[in-house]
Amino acid sequence: MTVKEFTVASAREHKTFHIHGHAHVVLTSNLHNWMNVFIQEVRSQVPGIGVDENQPVFPSLNGTKMQSIWEKAGIDGPIHGTLLRKGAVTAVHRNHEKEASNLADLMAHKEDTALQ
């Protein structure tokens, strides 16, 4: 992998920011380009959102955070970052075992804890 093949995005809005600081999300250059297209072409069409840097990347149709979209999809219970994060960790452990230690490092986790 070369430096041009990925971008690291820093997310401030997450529950352990006060402990770990920004969460670092690694995006392939292709995914980064698609995110930019989404922000410029789709997200900017939501009333009241536009391209302001301080708005959620994935707003609902009324401009709020995504929780309401899960309810409309018929998914019971709160869907939150922890659930999505655990799902991502499980998927990496099942499908990309060699990357598990890299993922643990990026998420500021101990690898042995993630294996439990």
PDB file of N, CA and C in Angstrom:
ATOM      1  N   MET A   1       0.850  -1.176   0.000  1.00  0.00           N
ATOM      2  CA  MET A   1       0.000   0.000   0.000  1.00  0.00           C
ATOM      3  C   MET A   1       0.890   1.231   0.000  1.00  0.00           C
ATOM      4  N   THR A   2       0.485   2.208  -0.765  1.00  0.00           N
ATOM      5  CA  THR A   2       1.227   3.461  -0.801  1.00  0.00           C
ATOM      6  C   THR A   2       0.453   4.549  -0.062  1.00  0.00           C
ATOM      7  N   VAL A   3       1.107   5.646   0.192  1.00  0.00           N
ATOM      8  CA  VAL A   3       0.487   6.759   0.906  1.00  0.00           C
ATOM      9  C   VAL A   3      -0.721   7.295   0.140  1.00  0.00           C
ATOM     10  N   LYS A   4      -0.650   7.280  -1.182  1.00  0.00           N
ATOM     11  CA  LYS A   4      -1.750   7.798  -1.995  1.00  0.00           C
ATOM     12  C   LYS A   4      -2.974   6.890  -1.991  1.00  0.00           C
ATOM     13  N   GLU A   5      -2.840   5.680  -1.492  1.00  0.00           N
ATOM     14  CA  GLU A   5      -3.946   4.727  -1.546  1.00  0.00           C
ATOM     15  C   GLU A   5      -4.944   4.870  -0.408  1.00  0.00           C
ATOM     16  N   PHE A   6      -4.663   5.732   0.554  1.00  0.00           N
ATOM     17  CA  PHE A   6      -5.600   5.865   1.663  1.00  0.00           C
ATOM     18  C   PHE A   6      -5.569   7.268   2.248  1.00  0.00           C
ATOM     19  N   THR A   7      -6.614   7.563   3.011  1.00  0.00           N
ATOM     20  CA  THR A   7      -6.747   8.824   3.733  1.00  0.00           C
ATOM     21  C   THR A   7      -7.150   8.494   5.157  1.00  0.00           C
ATOM     22  N   VAL A   8      -6.615   9.200   6.127  1.00  0.00           N
ATOM     23  CA  VAL A   8      -7.015   9.016   7.515  1.00  0.00           C
ATOM     24  C   VAL A   8      -7.885  10.206   7.910  1.00  0.00           C
ATOM     25  N   ALA A   9      -9.129   9.904   8.278  1.00  0.00           N
ATOM     26  CA  ALA A   9     -10.058  10.940   8.735  1.00  0.00           C
ATOM     27  C   ALA A   9     -10.080  10.919  10.257  1.00  0.00           C
ATOM     28  N   SER A  10     -10.134  12.072  10.873  1.00  0.00           N
ATOM     29  CA  SER A  10     -10.193  12.172  12.332  1.00  0.00           C
ATOM     30  C   SER A  10     -11.592  12.590  12.751  1.00  0.00           C
ATOM     31  N   ALA A  11     -12.207  11.779  13.614  1.00  0.00           N
ATOM     32  CA  ALA A  11     -13.566  12.063  14.091  1.00  0.00           C
ATOM     33  C   ALA A  11     -13.508  12.505  15.547  1.00  0.00           C
ATOM     34  N   ARG A  12     -14.002  13.689  15.809  1.00  0.00           N
ATOM     35  CA  ARG A  12     -14.009  14.214  17.174  1.00  0.00           C
ATOM     36  C   ARG A  12     -15.256  13.784  17.928  1.00  0.00           C
ATOM     37  N   GLU A  13     -16.371  13.668  17.232  1.00  0.00           N
ATOM     38  CA  GLU A  13     -17.653  13.362  17.864  1.00  0.00           C
ATOM     39  C   GLU A  13     -17.791  11.858  18.110  1.00  0.00           C
ATOM     40  N   HIS A  14     -17.227  11.379  19.203  1.00  0.00           N
ATOM     41  CA  HIS A  14     -17.417   9.992  19.620  1.00  0.00           C
ATOM     42  C   HIS A  14     -17.292   9.918  21.137  1.00  0.00           C
ATOM     43  N   LYS A  15     -17.799   8.825  21.707  1.00  0.00           N
ATOM     44  CA  LYS A  15     -17.985   8.803  23.162  1.00  0.00           C
ATOM     45  C   LYS A  15     -16.698   8.785  23.980  1.00  0.00           C
ATOM     46  N   THR A  16     -15.579   8.340  23.448  1.00  0.00           N
ATOM     47  CA  THR A  16     -14.349   8.304  24.247  1.00  0.00           C
ATOM     48  C   THR A  16     -13.343   9.368  23.808  1.00  0.00           C
ATOM     49  N   PHE A  17     -13.830  10.418  23.166  1.00  0.00           N
ATOM     50  CA  PHE A  17     -12.940  11.503  22.750  1.00  0.00           C
ATOM     51  C   PHE A  17     -12.167  12.061  23.941  1.00  0.00           C
ATOM     52  N   HIS A  18     -12.838  12.188  25.083  1.00  0.00           N
ATOM     53  CA  HIS A  18     -12.198  12.771  26.270  1.00  0.00           C
ATOM     54  C   HIS A  18     -11.055  11.908  26.801  1.00  0.00           C
ATOM     55  N   ILE A  19     -11.009  10.641  26.423  1.00  0.00           N
ATOM     56  CA  ILE A  19      -9.940   9.734  26.858  1.00  0.00           C
ATOM     57  C   ILE A  19      -8.901   9.536  25.757  1.00  0.00           C
ATOM     58  N   HIS A  20      -9.371   9.206  24.552  1.00  0.00           N
ATOM     59  CA  HIS A  20      -8.478   8.813  23.461  1.00  0.00           C
ATOM     60  C   HIS A  20      -8.248   9.892  22.411  1.00  0.00           C
ATOM     61  N   GLY A  21      -8.977  10.990  22.505  1.00  0.00           N
ATOM     62  CA  GLY A  21      -8.858  12.005  21.460  1.00  0.00           C
ATOM     63  C   GLY A  21      -9.610  11.585  20.210  1.00  0.00           C
ATOM     64  N   HIS A  22      -9.218  12.134  19.096  1.00  0.00           N
ATOM     65  CA  HIS A  22      -9.893  11.851  17.834  1.00  0.00           C
ATOM     66  C   HIS A  22      -9.827  10.361  17.489  1.00  0.00           C
ATOM     67  N   ALA A  23     -10.919   9.850  16.927  1.00  0.00           N
ATOM     68  CA  ALA A  23     -10.924   8.492  16.380  1.00  0.00           C
ATOM     69  C   ALA A  23     -10.393   8.595  14.953  1.00  0.00           C
ATOM     70  N   HIS A  24      -9.473   7.724  14.607  1.00  0.00           N
ATOM     71  CA  HIS A  24      -8.881   7.757  13.273  1.00  0.00           C
ATOM     72  C   HIS A  24      -9.540   6.685  12.419  1.00  0.00           C
ATOM     73  N   VAL A  25     -10.127   7.116  11.319  1.00  0.00           N
ATOM     74  CA  VAL A  25     -10.822   6.219  10.407  1.00  0.00           C
ATOM     75  C   VAL A  25     -10.029   6.185   9.109  1.00  0.00           C
ATOM     76  N   VAL A  26      -9.578   4.995   8.728  1.00  0.00           N
ATOM     77  CA  VAL A  26      -8.782   4.848   7.515  1.00  0.00           C
ATOM     78  C   VAL A  26      -9.718   4.565   6.343  1.00  0.00           C
ATOM     79  N   LEU A  27      -9.639   5.405   5.328  1.00  0.00           N
ATOM     80  CA  LEU A  27     -10.463   5.258   4.134  1.00  0.00           C
ATOM     81  C   LEU A  27      -9.558   5.006   2.933  1.00  0.00           C
ATOM     82  N   THR A  28      -9.926   4.024   2.109  1.00  0.00           N
ATOM     83  CA  THR A  28      -9.191   3.867   0.854  1.00  0.00           C
ATOM     84  C   THR A  28      -9.435   5.111   0.014  1.00  0.00           C
ATOM     85  N   SER A  29      -8.580   5.363  -0.939  1.00  0.00           N
ATOM     86  CA  SER A  29      -8.766   6.551  -1.776  1.00  0.00           C
ATOM     87  C   SER A  29     -10.090   6.480  -2.525  1.00  0.00           C
ATOM     88  N   ASN A  30     -10.494   5.281  -2.930  1.00  0.00           N
ATOM     89  CA  ASN A  30     -11.766   5.112  -3.623  1.00  0.00           C
ATOM     90  C   ASN A  30     -12.940   5.471  -2.707  1.00  0.00           C
ATOM     91  N   LEU A  31     -12.928   4.961  -1.479  1.00  0.00           N
ATOM     92  CA  LEU A  31     -14.001   5.265  -0.535  1.00  0.00           C
ATOM     93  C   LEU A  31     -14.006   6.755  -0.179  1.00  0.00           C
ATOM     94  N   HIS A  32     -12.830   7.328  -0.007  1.00  0.00           N
ATOM     95  CA  HIS A  32     -12.730   8.759   0.283  1.00  0.00           C
ATOM     96  C   HIS A  32     -13.354   9.576  -0.848  1.00  0.00           C
ATOM     97  N   ASN A  33     -13.080   9.202  -2.084  1.00  0.00           N
ATOM     98  CA  ASN A  33     -13.672   9.902  -3.229  1.00  0.00           C
ATOM     99  C   ASN A  33     -15.191   9.772  -3.233  1.00  0.00           C
ATOM    100  N   TRP A  34     -15.696   8.565  -2.931  1.00  0.00           N
ATOM    101  CA  TRP A  34     -17.147   8.359  -2.884  1.00  0.00           C
ATOM    102  C   TRP A  34     -17.778   9.172  -1.756  1.00  0.00           C
ATOM    103  N   MET A  35     -17.089   9.272  -0.633  1.00  0.00           N
ATOM    104  CA  MET A  35     -17.610  10.088   0.478  1.00  0.00           C
ATOM    105  C   MET A  35     -17.703  11.554   0.056  1.00  0.00           C
ATOM    106  N   ASN A  36     -16.701  12.036  -0.651  1.00  0.00           N
ATOM    107  CA  ASN A  36     -16.741  13.420  -1.130  1.00  0.00           C
ATOM    108  C   ASN A  36     -17.891  13.646  -2.104  1.00  0.00           C
ATOM    109  N   VAL A  37     -18.121  12.679  -2.989  1.00  0.00           N
ATOM    110  CA  VAL A  37     -19.254  12.781  -3.914  1.00  0.00           C
ATOM    111  C   VAL A  37     -20.555  12.815  -3.119  1.00  0.00           C
ATOM    112  N   PHE A  38     -20.677  11.937  -2.124  1.00  0.00           N
ATOM    113  CA  PHE A  38     -21.883  11.909  -1.293  1.00  0.00           C
ATOM    114  C   PHE A  38     -22.102  13.261  -0.610  1.00  0.00           C
ATOM    115  N   ILE A  39     -21.049  13.803  -0.006  1.00  0.00           N
ATOM    116  CA  ILE A  39     -21.170  15.074   0.717  1.00  0.00           C
ATOM    117  C   ILE A  39     -21.557  16.208  -0.229  1.00  0.00           C
ATOM    118  N   GLN A  40     -20.912  16.278  -1.377  1.00  0.00           N
ATOM    119  CA  GLN A  40     -21.164  17.380  -2.309  1.00  0.00           C
ATOM    120  C   GLN A  40     -22.484  17.248  -3.063  1.00  0.00           C
ATOM    121  N   GLU A  41     -22.835  16.021  -3.460  1.00  0.00           N
ATOM    122  CA  GLU A  41     -23.978  15.842  -4.355  1.00  0.00           C
ATOM    123  C   GLU A  41     -25.260  15.392  -3.662  1.00  0.00           C
ATOM    124  N   VAL A  42     -25.158  14.603  -2.608  1.00  0.00           N
ATOM    125  CA  VAL A  42     -26.352  14.055  -1.958  1.00  0.00           C
ATOM    126  C   VAL A  42     -26.645  14.800  -0.661  1.00  0.00           C
ATOM    127  N   ARG A  43     -25.702  14.775   0.246  1.00  0.00           N
ATOM    128  CA  ARG A  43     -25.892  15.396   1.562  1.00  0.00           C
ATOM    129  C   ARG A  43     -26.231  16.874   1.443  1.00  0.00           C
ATOM    130  N   SER A  44     -25.642  17.540   0.487  1.00  0.00           N
ATOM    131  CA  SER A  44     -25.877  18.975   0.318  1.00  0.00           C
ATOM    132  C   SER A  44     -27.313  19.289  -0.090  1.00  0.00           C
ATOM    133  N   GLN A  45     -28.067  18.282  -0.530  1.00  0.00           N
ATOM    134  CA  GLN A  45     -29.455  18.488  -0.939  1.00  0.00           C
ATOM    135  C   GLN A  45     -30.430  18.431   0.235  1.00  0.00           C
ATOM    136  N   VAL A  46     -29.982  17.967   1.409  1.00  0.00           N
ATOM    137  CA  VAL A  46     -30.849  17.901   2.585  1.00  0.00           C
ATOM    138  C   VAL A  46     -31.033  19.317   3.117  1.00  0.00           C
ATOM    139  N   PRO A  47     -32.285  19.771   3.256  1.00  0.00           N
ATOM    140  CA  PRO A  47     -32.520  21.146   3.727  1.00  0.00           C
ATOM    141  C   PRO A  47     -31.835  21.421   5.068  1.00  0.00           C
ATOM    142  N   GLY A  48     -31.132  22.534   5.139  1.00  0.00           N
ATOM    143  CA  GLY A  48     -30.492  22.942   6.380  1.00  0.00           C
ATOM    144  C   GLY A  48     -29.140  22.314   6.635  1.00  0.00           C
ATOM    145  N   ILE A  49     -28.661  21.470   5.730  1.00  0.00           N
ATOM    146  CA  ILE A  49     -27.374  20.804   5.946  1.00  0.00           C
ATOM    147  C   ILE A  49     -26.290  21.437   5.092  1.00  0.00           C
ATOM    148  N   GLY A  50     -26.422  21.398   3.780  1.00  0.00           N
ATOM    149  CA  GLY A  50     -25.392  21.949   2.911  1.00  0.00           C
ATOM    150  C   GLY A  50     -24.066  21.238   3.101  1.00  0.00           C
ATOM    151  N   VAL A  51     -22.979  21.980   3.059  1.00  0.00           N
ATOM    152  CA  VAL A  51     -21.644  21.390   3.186  1.00  0.00           C
ATOM    153  C   VAL A  51     -20.913  21.893   4.429  1.00  0.00           C
ATOM    154  N   ASP A  52     -21.652  22.384   5.422  1.00  0.00           N
ATOM    155  CA  ASP A  52     -21.052  22.866   6.667  1.00  0.00           C
ATOM    156  C   ASP A  52     -20.271  21.743   7.341  1.00  0.00           C
ATOM    157  N   GLU A  53     -19.036  21.996   7.695  1.00  0.00           N
ATOM    158  CA  GLU A  53     -18.150  20.988   8.287  1.00  0.00           C
ATOM    159  C   GLU A  53     -18.623  20.467   9.633  1.00  0.00           C
ATOM    160  N   ASN A  54     -19.454  21.207  10.343  1.00  0.00           N
ATOM    161  CA  ASN A  54     -19.864  20.809  11.690  1.00  0.00           C
ATOM    162  C   ASN A  54     -21.151  19.999  11.730  1.00  0.00           C
ATOM    163  N   GLN A  55     -21.711  19.673  10.591  1.00  0.00           N
ATOM    164  CA  GLN A  55     -22.933  18.878  10.525  1.00  0.00           C
ATOM    165  C   GLN A  55     -22.581  17.395  10.434  1.00  0.00           C
ATOM    166  N   PRO A  56     -23.518  16.503  10.831  1.00  0.00           N
ATOM    167  CA  PRO A  56     -23.263  15.065  10.699  1.00  0.00           C
ATOM    168  C   PRO A  56     -23.006  14.694   9.233  1.00  0.00           C
ATOM    169  N   VAL A  57     -22.092  13.772   9.002  1.00  0.00           N
ATOM    170  CA  VAL A  57     -21.829  13.326   7.631  1.00  0.00           C
ATOM    171  C   VAL A  57     -23.057  12.616   7.072  1.00  0.00           C
ATOM    172  N   PHE A  58     -23.724  11.821   7.897  1.00  0.00           N
ATOM    173  CA  PHE A  58     -24.882  11.054   7.460  1.00  0.00           C
ATOM    174  C   PHE A  58     -26.136  11.519   8.192  1.00  0.00           C
ATOM    175  N   PRO A  59     -26.719  12.643   7.774  1.00  0.00           N
ATOM    176  CA  PRO A  59     -27.929  13.137   8.447  1.00  0.00           C
ATOM    177  C   PRO A  59     -29.166  12.377   7.982  1.00  0.00           C
ATOM    178  N   SER A  60     -30.225  12.474   8.767  1.00  0.00           N
ATOM    179  CA  SER A  60     -31.507  11.932   8.321  1.00  0.00           C
ATOM    180  C   SER A  60     -32.145  12.958   7.388  1.00  0.00           C
ATOM    181  N   LEU A  61     -33.299  12.651   6.862  1.00  0.00           N
ATOM    182  CA  LEU A  61     -33.943  13.572   5.924  1.00  0.00           C
ATOM    183  C   LEU A  61     -34.301  14.915   6.539  1.00  0.00           C
ATOM    184  N   ASN A  62     -34.511  14.944   7.865  1.00  0.00           N
ATOM    185  CA  ASN A  62     -34.827  16.237   8.477  1.00  0.00           C
ATOM    186  C   ASN A  62     -33.585  16.917   9.051  1.00  0.00           C
ATOM    187  N   GLY A  63     -32.397  16.369   8.758  1.00  0.00           N
ATOM    188  CA  GLY A  63     -31.162  17.019   9.163  1.00  0.00           C
ATOM    189  C   GLY A  63     -30.629  16.600  10.517  1.00  0.00           C
ATOM    190  N   THR A  64     -31.307  15.674  11.203  1.00  0.00           N
ATOM    191  CA  THR A  64     -30.824  15.208  12.500  1.00  0.00           C
ATOM    192  C   THR A  64     -29.919  13.999  12.294  1.00  0.00           C
ATOM    193  N   LYS A  65     -29.391  13.469  13.379  1.00  0.00           N
ATOM    194  CA  LYS A  65     -28.527  12.296  13.270  1.00  0.00           C
ATOM    195  C   LYS A  65     -29.331  11.082  12.833  1.00  0.00           C
ATOM    196  N   MET A  66     -28.658   9.992  12.565  1.00  0.00           N
ATOM    197  CA  MET A  66     -29.234   8.850  11.877  1.00  0.00           C
ATOM    198  C   MET A  66     -30.202   7.972  12.662  1.00  0.00           C
ATOM    199  N   GLN A  67     -30.393   8.152  13.946  1.00  0.00           N
ATOM    200  CA  GLN A  67     -31.202   7.218  14.737  1.00  0.00           C
ATOM    201  C   GLN A  67     -32.583   6.976  14.131  1.00  0.00           C
ATOM    202  N   SER A  68     -33.230   8.021  13.645  1.00  0.00           N
ATOM    203  CA  SER A  68     -34.593   7.856  13.131  1.00  0.00           C
ATOM    204  C   SER A  68     -34.649   6.955  11.906  1.00  0.00           C
ATOM    205  N   ILE A  69     -33.597   6.897  11.119  1.00  0.00           N
ATOM    206  CA  ILE A  69     -33.611   6.051   9.926  1.00  0.00           C
ATOM    207  C   ILE A  69     -33.634   4.574  10.305  1.00  0.00           C
ATOM    208  N   TRP A  70     -32.985   4.218  11.432  1.00  0.00           N
ATOM    209  CA  TRP A  70     -33.009   2.824  11.890  1.00  0.00           C
ATOM    210  C   TRP A  70     -34.432   2.446  12.292  1.00  0.00           C
ATOM    211  N   GLU A  71     -35.119   3.353  12.966  1.00  0.00           N
ATOM    212  CA  GLU A  71     -36.498   3.090  13.378  1.00  0.00           C
ATOM    213  C   GLU A  71     -37.391   2.891  12.167  1.00  0.00           C
ATOM    214  N   LYS A  72     -37.228   3.730  11.152  1.00  0.00           N
ATOM    215  CA  LYS A  72     -38.029   3.603   9.937  1.00  0.00           C
ATOM    216  C   LYS A  72     -37.733   2.299   9.205  1.00  0.00           C
ATOM    217  N   ALA A  73     -36.536   1.771   9.371  1.00  0.00           N
ATOM    218  CA  ALA A  73     -36.171   0.498   8.744  1.00  0.00           C
ATOM    219  C   ALA A  73     -36.698  -0.693   9.531  1.00  0.00           C
ATOM    220  N   GLY A  74     -37.345  -0.428  10.680  1.00  0.00           N
ATOM    221  CA  GLY A  74     -37.925  -1.502  11.474  1.00  0.00           C
ATOM    222  C   GLY A  74     -36.943  -2.216  12.380  1.00  0.00           C
ATOM    223  N   ILE A  75     -35.808  -1.585  12.657  1.00  0.00           N
ATOM    224  CA  ILE A  75     -34.807  -2.190  13.533  1.00  0.00           C
ATOM    225  C   ILE A  75     -35.114  -1.766  14.959  1.00  0.00           C
ATOM    226  N   ASP A  76     -35.334  -2.754  15.831  1.00  0.00           N
ATOM    227  CA  ASP A  76     -35.671  -2.468  17.225  1.00  0.00           C
ATOM    228  C   ASP A  76     -34.436  -2.074  18.020  1.00  0.00           C
ATOM    229  N   GLY A  77     -34.646  -1.257  19.025  1.00  0.00           N
ATOM    230  CA  GLY A  77     -33.576  -0.877  19.939  1.00  0.00           C
ATOM    231  C   GLY A  77     -32.693   0.197  19.349  1.00  0.00           C
ATOM    232  N   PRO A  78     -31.903   0.806  20.204  1.00  0.00           N
ATOM    233  CA  PRO A  78     -31.033   1.880  19.720  1.00  0.00           C
ATOM    234  C   PRO A  78     -29.864   1.328  18.903  1.00  0.00           C
ATOM    235  N   ILE A  79     -29.599   1.939  17.787  1.00  0.00           N
ATOM    236  CA  ILE A  79     -28.431   1.610  16.977  1.00  0.00           C
ATOM    237  C   ILE A  79     -27.434   2.731  17.245  1.00  0.00           C
ATOM    238  N   HIS A  80     -26.257   2.365  17.681  1.00  0.00           N
ATOM    239  CA  HIS A  80     -25.279   3.378  18.049  1.00  0.00           C
ATOM    240  C   HIS A  80     -23.893   2.944  17.610  1.00  0.00           C
ATOM    241  N   GLY A  81     -22.952   3.820  17.790  1.00  0.00           N
ATOM    242  CA  GLY A  81     -21.590   3.561  17.346  1.00  0.00           C
ATOM    243  C   GLY A  81     -20.983   2.299  17.908  1.00  0.00           C
ATOM    244  N   THR A  82     -21.288   1.986  19.163  1.00  0.00           N
ATOM    245  CA  THR A  82     -20.717   0.784  19.777  1.00  0.00           C
ATOM    246  C   THR A  82     -21.163  -0.465  19.034  1.00  0.00           C
ATOM    247  N   LEU A  83     -22.431  -0.531  18.687  1.00  0.00           N
ATOM    248  CA  LEU A  83     -22.947  -1.688  17.961  1.00  0.00           C
ATOM    249  C   LEU A  83     -22.290  -1.806  16.583  1.00  0.00           C
ATOM    250  N   LEU A  84     -22.173  -0.695  15.893  1.00  0.00           N
ATOM    251  CA  LEU A  84     -21.523  -0.710  14.583  1.00  0.00           C
ATOM    252  C   LEU A  84     -20.046  -1.069  14.707  1.00  0.00           C
ATOM    253  N   ARG A  85     -19.388  -0.524  15.734  1.00  0.00           N
ATOM    254  CA  ARG A  85     -17.965  -0.819  15.948  1.00  0.00           C
ATOM    255  C   ARG A  85     -17.751  -2.293  16.231  1.00  0.00           C
ATOM    256  N   LYS A  86     -18.597  -2.868  17.105  1.00  0.00           N
ATOM    257  CA  LYS A  86     -18.464  -4.288  17.429  1.00  0.00           C
ATOM    258  C   LYS A  86     -18.713  -5.150  16.195  1.00  0.00           C
ATOM    259  N   GLY A  87     -19.663  -4.733  15.368  1.00  0.00           N
ATOM    260  CA  GLY A  87     -19.920  -5.459  14.126  1.00  0.00           C
ATOM    261  C   GLY A  87     -18.723  -5.430  13.198  1.00  0.00           C
ATOM    262  N   ALA A  88     -18.071  -4.268  13.108  1.00  0.00           N
ATOM    263  CA  ALA A  88     -16.881  -4.144  12.267  1.00  0.00           C
ATOM    264  C   ALA A  88     -15.748  -5.012  12.796  1.00  0.00           C
ATOM    265  N   VAL A  89     -15.558  -5.011  14.111  1.00  0.00           N
ATOM    266  CA  VAL A  89     -14.506  -5.829  14.721  1.00  0.00           C
ATOM    267  C   VAL A  89     -14.773  -7.306  14.455  1.00  0.00           C
ATOM    268  N   THR A  90     -16.009  -7.745  14.650  1.00  0.00           N
ATOM    269  CA  THR A  90     -16.368  -9.141  14.404  1.00  0.00           C
ATOM    270  C   THR A  90     -16.101  -9.516  12.953  1.00  0.00           C
ATOM    271  N   ALA A  91     -16.478  -8.653  12.022  1.00  0.00           N
ATOM    272  CA  ALA A  91     -16.264  -8.938  10.600  1.00  0.00           C
ATOM    273  C   ALA A  91     -14.779  -9.066  10.278  1.00  0.00           C
ATOM    274  N   VAL A  92     -13.955  -8.194  10.838  1.00  0.00           N
ATOM    275  CA  VAL A  92     -12.514  -8.275  10.591  1.00  0.00           C
ATOM    276  C   VAL A  92     -11.949  -9.561  11.177  1.00  0.00           C
ATOM    277  N   HIS A  93     -12.358  -9.917  12.387  1.00  0.00           N
ATOM    278  CA  HIS A  93     -11.846 -11.137  13.013  1.00  0.00           C
ATOM    279  C   HIS A  93     -12.245 -12.380  12.226  1.00  0.00           C
ATOM    280  N   ARG A  94     -13.435 -12.378  11.652  1.00  0.00           N
ATOM    281  CA  ARG A  94     -13.901 -13.539  10.886  1.00  0.00           C
ATOM    282  C   ARG A  94     -13.270 -13.620   9.502  1.00  0.00           C
ATOM    283  N   ASN A  95     -13.106 -12.475   8.857  1.00  0.00           N
ATOM    284  CA  ASN A  95     -12.726 -12.473   7.445  1.00  0.00           C
ATOM    285  C   ASN A  95     -11.304 -12.014   7.146  1.00  0.00           C
ATOM    286  N   HIS A  96     -10.664 -11.352   8.098  1.00  0.00           N
ATOM    287  CA  HIS A  96      -9.328 -10.794   7.858  1.00  0.00           C
ATOM    288  C   HIS A  96      -8.480 -10.927   9.122  1.00  0.00           C
ATOM    289  N   GLU A  97      -8.261 -12.148   9.572  1.00  0.00           N
ATOM    290  CA  GLU A  97      -7.555 -12.385  10.842  1.00  0.00           C
ATOM    291  C   GLU A  97      -6.201 -11.678  10.916  1.00  0.00           C
ATOM    292  N   LYS A  98      -5.503 -11.599   9.799  1.00  0.00           N
ATOM    293  CA  LYS A  98      -4.174 -10.980   9.802  1.00  0.00           C
ATOM    294  C   LYS A  98      -4.229  -9.485  10.113  1.00  0.00           C
ATOM    295  N   GLU A  99      -5.384  -8.866   9.924  1.00  0.00           N
ATOM    296  CA  GLU A  99      -5.533  -7.431  10.167  1.00  0.00           C
ATOM    297  C   GLU A  99      -6.049  -7.113  11.568  1.00  0.00           C
ATOM    298  N   ALA A 100      -6.342  -8.139  12.376  1.00  0.00           N
ATOM    299  CA  ALA A 100      -6.946  -7.926  13.696  1.00  0.00           C
ATOM    300  C   ALA A 100      -6.077  -7.049  14.598  1.00  0.00           C
ATOM    301  N   SER A 101      -4.770  -7.271  14.595  1.00  0.00           N
ATOM    302  CA  SER A 101      -3.913  -6.464  15.469  1.00  0.00           C
ATOM    303  C   SER A 101      -3.850  -5.014  14.986  1.00  0.00           C
ATOM    304  N   ASN A 102      -3.861  -4.805  13.670  1.00  0.00           N
ATOM    305  CA  ASN A 102      -3.884  -3.436  13.142  1.00  0.00           C
ATOM    306  C   ASN A 102      -5.178  -2.728  13.524  1.00  0.00           C
ATOM    307  N   LEU A 103      -6.293  -3.449  13.435  1.00  0.00           N
ATOM    308  CA  LEU A 103      -7.579  -2.863  13.801  1.00  0.00           C
ATOM    309  C   LEU A 103      -7.602  -2.504  15.282  1.00  0.00           C
ATOM    310  N   ALA A 104      -7.123  -3.404  16.129  1.00  0.00           N
ATOM    311  CA  ALA A 104      -7.088  -3.131  17.570  1.00  0.00           C
ATOM    312  C   ALA A 104      -6.266  -1.877  17.849  1.00  0.00           C
ATOM    313  N   ASP A 105      -5.147  -1.744  17.168  1.00  0.00           N
ATOM    314  CA  ASP A 105      -4.298  -0.570  17.348  1.00  0.00           C
ATOM    315  C   ASP A 105      -5.014   0.708  16.907  1.00  0.00           C
ATOM    316  N   LEU A 106      -5.658   0.674  15.753  1.00  0.00           N
ATOM    317  CA  LEU A 106      -6.379   1.853  15.257  1.00  0.00           C
ATOM    318  C   LEU A 106      -7.523   2.258  16.169  1.00  0.00           C
ATOM    319  N   MET A 107      -8.133   1.273  16.853  1.00  0.00           N
ATOM    320  CA  MET A 107      -9.268   1.560  17.722  1.00  0.00           C
ATOM    321  C   MET A 107      -8.841   1.774  19.170  1.00  0.00           C
ATOM    322  N   ALA A 108      -7.523   1.822  19.418  1.00  0.00           N
ATOM    323  CA  ALA A 108      -6.972   2.006  20.760  1.00  0.00           C
ATOM    324  C   ALA A 108      -7.446   0.913  21.707  1.00  0.00           C
ATOM    325  N   HIS A 109      -7.485  -0.318  21.198  1.00  0.00           N
ATOM    326  CA  HIS A 109      -7.869  -1.477  22.002  1.00  0.00           C
ATOM    327  C   HIS A 109      -6.665  -2.373  22.215  1.00  0.00           C
ATOM    328  N   LYS A 110      -6.744  -3.191  23.256  1.00  0.00           N
ATOM    329  CA  LYS A 110      -5.761  -4.242  23.446  1.00  0.00           C
ATOM    330  C   LYS A 110      -6.218  -5.425  22.602  1.00  0.00           C
ATOM    331  N   GLU A 111      -5.295  -6.029  21.874  1.00  0.00           N
ATOM    332  CA  GLU A 111      -5.675  -7.126  20.979  1.00  0.00           C
ATOM    333  C   GLU A 111      -6.264  -8.304  21.743  1.00  0.00           C
ATOM    334  N   ASP A 112      -5.711  -8.634  22.916  1.00  0.00           N
ATOM    335  CA  ASP A 112      -6.234  -9.776  23.674  1.00  0.00           C
ATOM    336  C   ASP A 112      -7.653  -9.522  24.177  1.00  0.00           C
ATOM    337  N   THR A 113      -7.997  -8.284  24.477  1.00  0.00           N
ATOM    338  CA  THR A 113      -9.363  -7.954  24.890  1.00  0.00           C
ATOM    339  C   THR A 113     -10.324  -8.146  23.726  1.00  0.00           C
ATOM    340  N   ALA A 114      -9.905  -7.757  22.540  1.00  0.00           N
ATOM    341  CA  ALA A 114     -10.758  -7.880  21.359  1.00  0.00           C
ATOM    342  C   ALA A 114     -11.041  -9.334  21.012  1.00  0.00           C
ATOM    343  N   LEU A 115     -10.159 -10.238  21.395  1.00  0.00           N
ATOM    344  CA  LEU A 115     -10.343 -11.655  21.067  1.00  0.00           C
ATOM    345  C   LEU A 115     -11.338 -12.348  21.976  1.00  0.00           C
ATOM    346  N   GLN A 116     -11.715 -11.726  23.086  1.00  0.00           N
ATOM    347  CA  GLN A 116     -12.635 -12.354  24.037  1.00  0.00           C
ATOM    348  C   GLN A 116     -14.047 -12.373  23.520  1.00  0.00           C
TER     349      GLN A 116
END
